[in-house]
Amino acid sequence: MAKRFTKKQNFNKTNLEKVPEQSGVYKLSNKKGEIQYIGLAGAGRLQERLKEHLNEGDIKGSAQFQILKTNSGREAASLEKKLIKLVNPKQNEQHNDRLSEK
């Protein structure tokens, strides 16, 4: 069975407290549902990584998030790379430039 992202949740501290502490990939979307950013977290950092984005406010316009749990950081990195190429989120521009050079 293929892994799937969770349903969209509001990007706030209360919902982030429910995120498991494991590796995974996450998507941050705006109010219209447009994906703004795709990121990864390895070695039990999924909740912590999302909280960093929330506290720093570095992904402008993020209103919702979804997660996909993975078994390892390596699996998360591979999945993140594929999703960024497929979706091409606005806030991943720097990452997209690095991917196109390879």
PDB file of N, CA and C in Angstrom:
ATOM      1  N   MET A   1       0.838  -1.189   0.000  1.00  0.00           N
ATOM      2  CA  MET A   1       0.000   0.000   0.000  1.00  0.00           C
ATOM      3  C   MET A   1       0.879   1.246   0.000  1.00  0.00           C
ATOM      4  N   ALA A   2       0.591   2.188  -0.881  1.00  0.00           N
ATOM      5  CA  ALA A   2       1.362   3.420  -1.002  1.00  0.00           C
ATOM      6  C   ALA A   2       1.112   4.324   0.196  1.00  0.00           C
ATOM      7  N   LYS A   3       2.161   5.021   0.577  1.00  0.00           N
ATOM      8  CA  LYS A   3       2.025   5.985   1.670  1.00  0.00           C
ATOM      9  C   LYS A   3       1.305   7.208   1.153  1.00  0.00           C
ATOM     10  N   ARG A   4       0.564   7.861   2.038  1.00  0.00           N
ATOM     11  CA  ARG A   4      -0.184   9.070   1.677  1.00  0.00           C
ATOM     12  C   ARG A   4       0.033  10.153   2.718  1.00  0.00           C
ATOM     13  N   PHE A   5      -0.123  11.382   2.238  1.00  0.00           N
ATOM     14  CA  PHE A   5      -0.062  12.511   3.156  1.00  0.00           C
ATOM     15  C   PHE A   5      -1.320  12.528   4.018  1.00  0.00           C
ATOM     16  N   THR A   6      -1.197  13.066   5.207  1.00  0.00           N
ATOM     17  CA  THR A   6      -2.346  13.241   6.095  1.00  0.00           C
ATOM     18  C   THR A   6      -3.275  14.295   5.498  1.00  0.00           C
ATOM     19  N   LYS A   7      -4.471  14.404   6.058  1.00  0.00           N
ATOM     20  CA  LYS A   7      -5.374  15.469   5.612  1.00  0.00           C
ATOM     21  C   LYS A   7      -4.775  16.810   6.030  1.00  0.00           C
ATOM     22  N   LYS A   8      -5.188  17.875   5.353  1.00  0.00           N
ATOM     23  CA  LYS A   8      -4.684  19.214   5.670  1.00  0.00           C
ATOM     24  C   LYS A   8      -5.150  19.630   7.051  1.00  0.00           C
ATOM     25  N   GLN A   9      -4.233  20.253   7.778  1.00  0.00           N
ATOM     26  CA  GLN A   9      -4.528  20.786   9.107  1.00  0.00           C
ATOM     27  C   GLN A   9      -4.063  22.235   9.150  1.00  0.00           C
ATOM     28  N   ASN A  10      -4.693  23.028   9.990  1.00  0.00           N
ATOM     29  CA  ASN A  10      -4.257  24.413  10.165  1.00  0.00           C
ATOM     30  C   ASN A  10      -2.845  24.427  10.736  1.00  0.00           C
ATOM     31  N   PHE A  11      -2.028  25.311  10.192  1.00  0.00           N
ATOM     32  CA  PHE A  11      -0.632  25.426  10.593  1.00  0.00           C
ATOM     33  C   PHE A  11      -0.541  26.284  11.843  1.00  0.00           C
ATOM     34  N   ASN A  12      -0.731  25.642  13.009  1.00  0.00           N
ATOM     35  CA  ASN A  12      -0.683  26.353  14.282  1.00  0.00           C
ATOM     36  C   ASN A  12      -0.053  25.462  15.348  1.00  0.00           C
ATOM     37  N   LYS A  13       0.291  26.069  16.454  1.00  0.00           N
ATOM     38  CA  LYS A  13       0.995  25.369  17.534  1.00  0.00           C
ATOM     39  C   LYS A  13       0.209  24.174  18.063  1.00  0.00           C
ATOM     40  N   THR A  14      -1.091  24.315  18.217  1.00  0.00           N
ATOM     41  CA  THR A  14      -1.928  23.228  18.748  1.00  0.00           C
ATOM     42  C   THR A  14      -1.845  21.991  17.859  1.00  0.00           C
ATOM     43  N   ASN A  15      -1.985  22.168  16.554  1.00  0.00           N
ATOM     44  CA  ASN A  15      -1.925  21.027  15.640  1.00  0.00           C
ATOM     45  C   ASN A  15      -0.521  20.444  15.523  1.00  0.00           C
ATOM     46  N   LEU A  16       0.490  21.287  15.642  1.00  0.00           N
ATOM     47  CA  LEU A  16       1.860  20.785  15.554  1.00  0.00           C
ATOM     48  C   LEU A  16       2.220  19.912  16.747  1.00  0.00           C
ATOM     49  N   GLU A  17       1.576  20.138  17.889  1.00  0.00           N
ATOM     50  CA  GLU A  17       1.826  19.307  19.069  1.00  0.00           C
ATOM     51  C   GLU A  17       1.429  17.848  18.826  1.00  0.00           C
ATOM     52  N   LYS A  18       0.549  17.612  17.857  1.00  0.00           N
ATOM     53  CA  LYS A  18       0.066  16.267  17.547  1.00  0.00           C
ATOM     54  C   LYS A  18       0.924  15.538  16.516  1.00  0.00           C
ATOM     55  N   VAL A  19       1.869  16.234  15.915  1.00  0.00           N
ATOM     56  CA  VAL A  19       2.724  15.645  14.884  1.00  0.00           C
ATOM     57  C   VAL A  19       3.708  14.676  15.556  1.00  0.00           C
ATOM     58  N   PRO A  20       3.858  13.481  14.999  1.00  0.00           N
ATOM     59  CA  PRO A  20       4.768  12.503  15.605  1.00  0.00           C
ATOM     60  C   PRO A  20       6.228  12.940  15.472  1.00  0.00           C
ATOM     61  N   GLU A  21       7.021  12.510  16.402  1.00  0.00           N
ATOM     62  CA  GLU A  21       8.450  12.809  16.385  1.00  0.00           C
ATOM     63  C   GLU A  21       9.151  11.683  15.646  1.00  0.00           C
ATOM     64  N   GLN A  22       9.163  11.791  14.328  1.00  0.00           N
ATOM     65  CA  GLN A  22       9.860  10.819  13.489  1.00  0.00           C
ATOM     66  C   GLN A  22      10.283  11.502  12.212  1.00  0.00           C
ATOM     67  N   SER A  23      10.856  10.764  11.293  1.00  0.00           N
ATOM     68  CA  SER A  23      11.268  11.367  10.025  1.00  0.00           C
ATOM     69  C   SER A  23      10.083  11.423   9.077  1.00  0.00           C
ATOM     70  N   GLY A  24      10.144  12.353   8.119  1.00  0.00           N
ATOM     71  CA  GLY A  24       9.055  12.471   7.162  1.00  0.00           C
ATOM     72  C   GLY A  24       9.204  13.661   6.242  1.00  0.00           C
ATOM     73  N   VAL A  25       8.208  13.825   5.396  1.00  0.00           N
ATOM     74  CA  VAL A  25       8.130  14.924   4.442  1.00  0.00           C
ATOM     75  C   VAL A  25       6.886  15.721   4.795  1.00  0.00           C
ATOM     76  N   TYR A  26       6.938  17.028   4.581  1.00  0.00           N
ATOM     77  CA  TYR A  26       5.778  17.861   4.883  1.00  0.00           C
ATOM     78  C   TYR A  26       5.549  18.863   3.762  1.00  0.00           C
ATOM     79  N   LYS A  27       4.290  19.272   3.631  1.00  0.00           N
ATOM     80  CA  LYS A  27       3.905  20.291   2.660  1.00  0.00           C
ATOM     81  C   LYS A  27       3.244  21.427   3.423  1.00  0.00           C
ATOM     82  N   LEU A  28       3.599  22.646   3.089  1.00  0.00           N
ATOM     83  CA  LEU A  28       2.968  23.832   3.647  1.00  0.00           C
ATOM     84  C   LEU A  28       2.192  24.514   2.521  1.00  0.00           C
ATOM     85  N   SER A  29       0.909  24.803   2.767  1.00  0.00           N
ATOM     86  CA  SER A  29       0.031  25.391   1.758  1.00  0.00           C
ATOM     87  C   SER A  29      -0.551  26.705   2.246  1.00  0.00           C
ATOM     88  N   ASN A  30      -0.960  27.542   1.291  1.00  0.00           N
ATOM     89  CA  ASN A  30      -1.631  28.785   1.656  1.00  0.00           C
ATOM     90  C   ASN A  30      -3.130  28.534   1.836  1.00  0.00           C
ATOM     91  N   LYS A  31      -3.886  29.590   2.098  1.00  0.00           N
ATOM     92  CA  LYS A  31      -5.331  29.452   2.348  1.00  0.00           C
ATOM     93  C   LYS A  31      -6.078  28.907   1.138  1.00  0.00           C
ATOM     94  N   LYS A  32      -5.555  29.128  -0.059  1.00  0.00           N
ATOM     95  CA  LYS A  32      -6.192  28.630  -1.278  1.00  0.00           C
ATOM     96  C   LYS A  32      -5.869  27.154  -1.531  1.00  0.00           C
ATOM     97  N   GLY A  33      -4.981  26.593  -0.720  1.00  0.00           N
ATOM     98  CA  GLY A  33      -4.589  25.204  -0.900  1.00  0.00           C
ATOM     99  C   GLY A  33      -3.390  25.009  -1.807  1.00  0.00           C
ATOM    100  N   GLU A  34      -2.777  26.111  -2.259  1.00  0.00           N
ATOM    101  CA  GLU A  34      -1.605  26.032  -3.122  1.00  0.00           C
ATOM    102  C   GLU A  34      -0.372  25.688  -2.290  1.00  0.00           C
ATOM    103  N   ILE A  35       0.375  24.698  -2.719  1.00  0.00           N
ATOM    104  CA  ILE A  35       1.567  24.267  -1.978  1.00  0.00           C
ATOM    105  C   ILE A  35       2.643  25.337  -2.104  1.00  0.00           C
ATOM    106  N   GLN A  36       3.098  25.847  -0.964  1.00  0.00           N
ATOM    107  CA  GLN A  36       4.115  26.888  -0.910  1.00  0.00           C
ATOM    108  C   GLN A  36       5.517  26.312  -0.719  1.00  0.00           C
ATOM    109  N   TYR A  37       5.594  25.197   0.009  1.00  0.00           N
ATOM    110  CA  TYR A  37       6.899  24.651   0.383  1.00  0.00           C
ATOM    111  C   TYR A  37       6.782  23.171   0.670  1.00  0.00           C
ATOM    112  N   ILE A  38       7.795  22.412   0.276  1.00  0.00           N
ATOM    113  CA  ILE A  38       7.906  20.995   0.612  1.00  0.00           C
ATOM    114  C   ILE A  38       9.237  20.834   1.331  1.00  0.00           C
ATOM    115  N   GLY A  39       9.208  20.197   2.480  1.00  0.00           N
ATOM    116  CA  GLY A  39      10.425  20.014   3.255  1.00  0.00           C
ATOM    117  C   GLY A  39      10.526  18.614   3.818  1.00  0.00           C
ATOM    118  N   LEU A  40      11.650  18.352   4.450  1.00  0.00           N
ATOM    119  CA  LEU A  40      11.867  17.039   5.056  1.00  0.00           C
ATOM    120  C   LEU A  40      12.414  17.202   6.457  1.00  0.00           C
ATOM    121  N   ALA A  41      12.250  16.160   7.210  1.00  0.00           N
ATOM    122  CA  ALA A  41      12.814  16.100   8.557  1.00  0.00           C
ATOM    123  C   ALA A  41      13.280  14.678   8.780  1.00  0.00           C
ATOM    124  N   GLY A  42      14.493  14.529   9.204  1.00  0.00           N
ATOM    125  CA  GLY A  42      15.029  13.201   9.462  1.00  0.00           C
ATOM    126  C   GLY A  42      15.167  12.946  10.946  1.00  0.00           C
ATOM    127  N   ALA A  43      15.427  11.718  11.276  1.00  0.00           N
ATOM    128  CA  ALA A  43      15.781  11.294  12.633  1.00  0.00           C
ATOM    129  C   ALA A  43      14.885  11.863  13.734  1.00  0.00           C
ATOM    130  N   GLY A  44      13.590  11.693  13.608  1.00  0.00           N
ATOM    131  CA  GLY A  44      12.670  12.085  14.668  1.00  0.00           C
ATOM    132  C   GLY A  44      12.443  13.567  14.813  1.00  0.00           C
ATOM    133  N   ARG A  45      12.644  14.341  13.743  1.00  0.00           N
ATOM    134  CA  ARG A  45      12.555  15.807  13.839  1.00  0.00           C
ATOM    135  C   ARG A  45      11.339  16.405  13.145  1.00  0.00           C
ATOM    136  N   LEU A  46      10.371  15.618  12.754  1.00  0.00           N
ATOM    137  CA  LEU A  46       9.242  16.143  11.989  1.00  0.00           C
ATOM    138  C   LEU A  46       8.512  17.256  12.735  1.00  0.00           C
ATOM    139  N   GLN A  47       8.131  16.998  13.966  1.00  0.00           N
ATOM    140  CA  GLN A  47       7.428  18.016  14.754  1.00  0.00           C
ATOM    141  C   GLN A  47       8.314  19.242  14.981  1.00  0.00           C
ATOM    142  N   GLU A  48       9.549  19.004  15.349  1.00  0.00           N
ATOM    143  CA  GLU A  48      10.485  20.099  15.623  1.00  0.00           C
ATOM    144  C   GLU A  48      10.704  20.974  14.389  1.00  0.00           C
ATOM    145  N   ARG A  49      10.847  20.348  13.224  1.00  0.00           N
ATOM    146  CA  ARG A  49      11.099  21.099  11.993  1.00  0.00           C
ATOM    147  C   ARG A  49       9.912  21.995  11.630  1.00  0.00           C
ATOM    148  N   LEU A  50       8.710  21.473  11.758  1.00  0.00           N
ATOM    149  CA  LEU A  50       7.521  22.276  11.480  1.00  0.00           C
ATOM    150  C   LEU A  50       7.399  23.443  12.455  1.00  0.00           C
ATOM    151  N   LYS A  51       7.703  23.187  13.711  1.00  0.00           N
ATOM    152  CA  LYS A  51       7.659  24.263  14.714  1.00  0.00           C
ATOM    153  C   LYS A  51       8.667  25.364  14.386  1.00  0.00           C
ATOM    154  N   GLU A  52       9.821  24.983  13.853  1.00  0.00           N
ATOM    155  CA  GLU A  52      10.816  25.984  13.463  1.00  0.00           C
ATOM    156  C   GLU A  52      10.238  26.915  12.396  1.00  0.00           C
ATOM    157  N   HIS A  53       9.574  26.339  11.401  1.00  0.00           N
ATOM    158  CA  HIS A  53       8.961  27.163  10.354  1.00  0.00           C
ATOM    159  C   HIS A  53       7.892  28.088  10.938  1.00  0.00           C
ATOM    160  N   LEU A  54       7.082  27.563  11.836  1.00  0.00           N
ATOM    161  CA  LEU A  54       6.018  28.368  12.439  1.00  0.00           C
ATOM    162  C   LEU A  54       6.602  29.521  13.246  1.00  0.00           C
ATOM    163  N   ASN A  55       7.580  29.231  14.085  1.00  0.00           N
ATOM    164  CA  ASN A  55       8.183  30.254  14.948  1.00  0.00           C
ATOM    165  C   ASN A  55       8.931  31.321  14.157  1.00  0.00           C
ATOM    166  N   GLU A  56       9.609  30.898  13.087  1.00  0.00           N
ATOM    167  CA  GLU A  56      10.399  31.851  12.306  1.00  0.00           C
ATOM    168  C   GLU A  56       9.548  32.587  11.274  1.00  0.00           C
ATOM    169  N   GLY A  57       8.385  32.029  10.936  1.00  0.00           N
ATOM    170  CA  GLY A  57       7.531  32.654   9.933  1.00  0.00           C
ATOM    171  C   GLY A  57       8.206  32.770   8.575  1.00  0.00           C
ATOM    172  N   ASP A  58       9.116  31.840   8.284  1.00  0.00           N
ATOM    173  CA  ASP A  58       9.925  31.948   7.072  1.00  0.00           C
ATOM    174  C   ASP A  58       9.227  31.508   5.790  1.00  0.00           C
ATOM    175  N   ILE A  59       8.133  30.785   5.886  1.00  0.00           N
ATOM    176  CA  ILE A  59       7.382  30.383   4.700  1.00  0.00           C
ATOM    177  C   ILE A  59       6.131  31.252   4.651  1.00  0.00           C
ATOM    178  N   LYS A  60       6.221  32.336   3.937  1.00  0.00           N
ATOM    179  CA  LYS A  60       5.155  33.345   3.897  1.00  0.00           C
ATOM    180  C   LYS A  60       3.846  32.771   3.373  1.00  0.00           C
ATOM    181  N   GLY A  61       2.766  33.093   4.053  1.00  0.00           N
ATOM    182  CA  GLY A  61       1.432  32.691   3.607  1.00  0.00           C
ATOM    183  C   GLY A  61       1.025  31.273   3.967  1.00  0.00           C
ATOM    184  N   SER A  62       1.818  30.583   4.767  1.00  0.00           N
ATOM    185  CA  SER A  62       1.484  29.202   5.130  1.00  0.00           C
ATOM    186  C   SER A  62       0.321  29.179   6.103  1.00  0.00           C
ATOM    187  N   ALA A  63      -0.716  28.452   5.734  1.00  0.00           N
ATOM    188  CA  ALA A  63      -1.917  28.364   6.560  1.00  0.00           C
ATOM    189  C   ALA A  63      -2.246  26.927   6.939  1.00  0.00           C
ATOM    190  N   GLN A  64      -1.757  25.973   6.143  1.00  0.00           N
ATOM    191  CA  GLN A  64      -2.073  24.567   6.381  1.00  0.00           C
ATOM    192  C   GLN A  64      -0.821  23.718   6.171  1.00  0.00           C
ATOM    193  N   PHE A  65      -0.841  22.524   6.752  1.00  0.00           N
ATOM    194  CA  PHE A  65       0.259  21.595   6.533  1.00  0.00           C
ATOM    195  C   PHE A  65      -0.281  20.181   6.399  1.00  0.00           C
ATOM    196  N   GLN A  66       0.537  19.344   5.768  1.00  0.00           N
ATOM    197  CA  GLN A  66       0.279  17.917   5.672  1.00  0.00           C
ATOM    198  C   GLN A  66       1.607  17.213   5.894  1.00  0.00           C
ATOM    199  N   ILE A  67       1.559  16.013   6.433  1.00  0.00           N
ATOM    200  CA  ILE A  67       2.786  15.251   6.645  1.00  0.00           C
ATOM    201  C   ILE A  67       2.654  13.867   6.030  1.00  0.00           C
ATOM    202  N   LEU A  68       3.811  13.301   5.743  1.00  0.00           N
ATOM    203  CA  LEU A  68       3.897  11.917   5.312  1.00  0.00           C
ATOM    204  C   LEU A  68       5.064  11.313   6.086  1.00  0.00           C
ATOM    205  N   LYS A  69       4.764  10.378   6.965  1.00  0.00           N
ATOM    206  CA  LYS A  69       5.794   9.753   7.789  1.00  0.00           C
ATOM    207  C   LYS A  69       6.616   8.794   6.943  1.00  0.00           C
ATOM    208  N   THR A  70       7.928   8.760   7.200  1.00  0.00           N
ATOM    209  CA  THR A  70       8.819   7.850   6.501  1.00  0.00           C
ATOM    210  C   THR A  70       9.584   7.012   7.522  1.00  0.00           C
ATOM    211  N   ASN A  71      10.228   5.982   7.027  1.00  0.00           N
ATOM    212  CA  ASN A  71      10.983   5.090   7.909  1.00  0.00           C
ATOM    213  C   ASN A  71      12.390   5.591   8.200  1.00  0.00           C
ATOM    214  N   SER A  72      12.868   6.539   7.382  1.00  0.00           N
ATOM    215  CA  SER A  72      14.228   7.043   7.582  1.00  0.00           C
ATOM    216  C   SER A  72      14.392   8.421   6.958  1.00  0.00           C
ATOM    217  N   GLY A  73      15.457   9.082   7.354  1.00  0.00           N
ATOM    218  CA  GLY A  73      15.786  10.367   6.759  1.00  0.00           C
ATOM    219  C   GLY A  73      16.144  10.219   5.286  1.00  0.00           C
ATOM    220  N   ARG A  74      16.781   9.127   4.936  1.00  0.00           N
ATOM    221  CA  ARG A  74      17.149   8.867   3.540  1.00  0.00           C
ATOM    222  C   ARG A  74      15.895   8.746   2.669  1.00  0.00           C
ATOM    223  N   GLU A  75      14.901   8.016   3.164  1.00  0.00           N
ATOM    224  CA  GLU A  75      13.635   7.878   2.443  1.00  0.00           C
ATOM    225  C   GLU A  75      12.951   9.242   2.303  1.00  0.00           C
ATOM    226  N   ALA A  76      12.978  10.043   3.358  1.00  0.00           N
ATOM    227  CA  ALA A  76      12.377  11.382   3.324  1.00  0.00           C
ATOM    228  C   ALA A  76      13.078  12.260   2.294  1.00  0.00           C
ATOM    229  N   ALA A  77      14.412  12.202   2.239  1.00  0.00           N
ATOM    230  CA  ALA A  77      15.173  13.026   1.296  1.00  0.00           C
ATOM    231  C   ALA A  77      14.858  12.656  -0.147  1.00  0.00           C
ATOM    232  N   SER A  78      14.755  11.388  -0.418  1.00  0.00           N
ATOM    233  CA  SER A  78      14.431  10.925  -1.767  1.00  0.00           C
ATOM    234  C   SER A  78      13.036  11.377  -2.182  1.00  0.00           C
ATOM    235  N   LEU A  79      12.093  11.225  -1.272  1.00  0.00           N
ATOM    236  CA  LEU A  79      10.708  11.621  -1.553  1.00  0.00           C
ATOM    237  C   LEU A  79      10.584  13.137  -1.722  1.00  0.00           C
ATOM    238  N   GLU A  80      11.264  13.884  -0.862  1.00  0.00           N
ATOM    239  CA  GLU A  80      11.227  15.349  -0.963  1.00  0.00           C
ATOM    240  C   GLU A  80      11.733  15.804  -2.329  1.00  0.00           C
ATOM    241  N   LYS A  81      12.842  15.250  -2.770  1.00  0.00           N
ATOM    242  CA  LYS A  81      13.429  15.625  -4.059  1.00  0.00           C
ATOM    243  C   LYS A  81      12.446  15.374  -5.203  1.00  0.00           C
ATOM    244  N   LYS A  82      11.796  14.216  -5.200  1.00  0.00           N
ATOM    245  CA  LYS A  82      10.825  13.882  -6.247  1.00  0.00           C
ATOM    246  C   LYS A  82       9.630  14.837  -6.222  1.00  0.00           C
ATOM    247  N   LEU A  83       9.122  15.131  -5.029  1.00  0.00           N
ATOM    248  CA  LEU A  83       7.956  16.006  -4.910  1.00  0.00           C
ATOM    249  C   LEU A  83       8.263  17.438  -5.335  1.00  0.00           C
ATOM    250  N   ILE A  84       9.442  17.925  -5.000  1.00  0.00           N
ATOM    251  CA  ILE A  84       9.814  19.288  -5.392  1.00  0.00           C
ATOM    252  C   ILE A  84       9.892  19.393  -6.909  1.00  0.00           C
ATOM    253  N   LYS A  85      10.469  18.395  -7.541  1.00  0.00           N
ATOM    254  CA  LYS A  85      10.535  18.406  -9.010  1.00  0.00           C
ATOM    255  C   LYS A  85       9.140  18.358  -9.623  1.00  0.00           C
ATOM    256  N   LEU A  86       8.261  17.592  -9.023  1.00  0.00           N
ATOM    257  CA  LEU A  86       6.906  17.422  -9.545  1.00  0.00           C
ATOM    258  C   LEU A  86       6.045  18.674  -9.344  1.00  0.00           C
ATOM    259  N   VAL A  87       6.080  19.237  -8.132  1.00  0.00           N
ATOM    260  CA  VAL A  87       5.183  20.341  -7.759  1.00  0.00           C
ATOM    261  C   VAL A  87       5.785  21.722  -8.023  1.00  0.00           C
ATOM    262  N   ASN A  88       7.105  21.854  -7.859  1.00  0.00           N
ATOM    263  CA  ASN A  88       7.814  23.117  -8.041  1.00  0.00           C
ATOM    264  C   ASN A  88       7.233  24.248  -7.182  1.00  0.00           C
ATOM    265  N   PRO A  89       7.195  24.062  -5.853  1.00  0.00           N
ATOM    266  CA  PRO A  89       6.631  25.089  -4.964  1.00  0.00           C
ATOM    267  C   PRO A  89       7.424  26.393  -4.997  1.00  0.00           C
ATOM    268  N   LYS A  90       6.711  27.502  -4.852  1.00  0.00           N
ATOM    269  CA  LYS A  90       7.304  28.843  -4.885  1.00  0.00           C
ATOM    270  C   LYS A  90       8.467  29.012  -3.909  1.00  0.00           C
ATOM    271  N   GLN A  91       8.265  28.603  -2.678  1.00  0.00           N
ATOM    272  CA  GLN A  91       9.254  28.847  -1.626  1.00  0.00           C
ATOM    273  C   GLN A  91      10.449  27.896  -1.686  1.00  0.00           C
ATOM    274  N   ASN A  92      10.433  26.912  -2.585  1.00  0.00           N
ATOM    275  CA  ASN A  92      11.549  25.981  -2.745  1.00  0.00           C
ATOM    276  C   ASN A  92      12.474  26.419  -3.886  1.00  0.00           C
ATOM    277  N   GLU A  93      12.414  27.676  -4.302  1.00  0.00           N
ATOM    278  CA  GLU A  93      13.182  28.132  -5.453  1.00  0.00           C
ATOM    279  C   GLU A  93      14.664  27.832  -5.337  1.00  0.00           C
ATOM    280  N   GLN A  94      15.261  28.098  -4.197  1.00  0.00           N
ATOM    281  CA  GLN A  94      16.687  27.851  -4.015  1.00  0.00           C
ATOM    282  C   GLN A  94      16.972  26.363  -4.167  1.00  0.00           C
ATOM    283  N   HIS A  95      16.133  25.542  -3.567  1.00  0.00           N
ATOM    284  CA  HIS A  95      16.313  24.090  -3.652  1.00  0.00           C
ATOM    285  C   HIS A  95      16.122  23.626  -5.087  1.00  0.00           C
ATOM    286  N   ASN A  96      15.148  24.176  -5.794  1.00  0.00           N
ATOM    287  CA  ASN A  96      14.903  23.811  -7.188  1.00  0.00           C
ATOM    288  C   ASN A  96      16.123  24.124  -8.054  1.00  0.00           C
ATOM    289  N   ASP A  97      16.777  25.249  -7.805  1.00  0.00           N
ATOM    290  CA  ASP A  97      17.971  25.606  -8.559  1.00  0.00           C
ATOM    291  C   ASP A  97      19.080  24.583  -8.353  1.00  0.00           C
ATOM    292  N   ARG A  98      19.252  24.125  -7.114  1.00  0.00           N
ATOM    293  CA  ARG A  98      20.283  23.112  -6.832  1.00  0.00           C
ATOM    294  C   ARG A  98      19.956  21.803  -7.527  1.00  0.00           C
ATOM    295  N   LEU A  99      18.671  21.414  -7.544  1.00  0.00           N
ATOM    296  CA  LEU A  99      18.274  20.156  -8.176  1.00  0.00           C
ATOM    297  C   LEU A  99      18.511  20.189  -9.672  1.00  0.00           C
ATOM    298  N   SER A 100      18.268  21.309 -10.315  1.00  0.00           N
ATOM    299  CA  SER A 100      18.411  21.402 -11.766  1.00  0.00           C
ATOM    300  C   SER A 100      19.886  21.371 -12.191  1.00  0.00           C
ATOM    301  N   GLU A 101      20.796  21.713 -11.280  1.00  0.00           N
ATOM    302  CA  GLU A 101      22.229  21.695 -11.589  1.00  0.00           C
ATOM    303  C   GLU A 101      22.778  20.274 -11.616  1.00  0.00           C
ATOM    304  N   LYS A 102      22.097  19.350 -10.977  1.00  0.00           N
ATOM    305  CA  LYS A 102      22.608  17.971 -10.871  1.00  0.00           C
ATOM    306  C   LYS A 102      22.211  17.156 -12.066  1.00  0.00           C
TER     307      LYS A 102
END
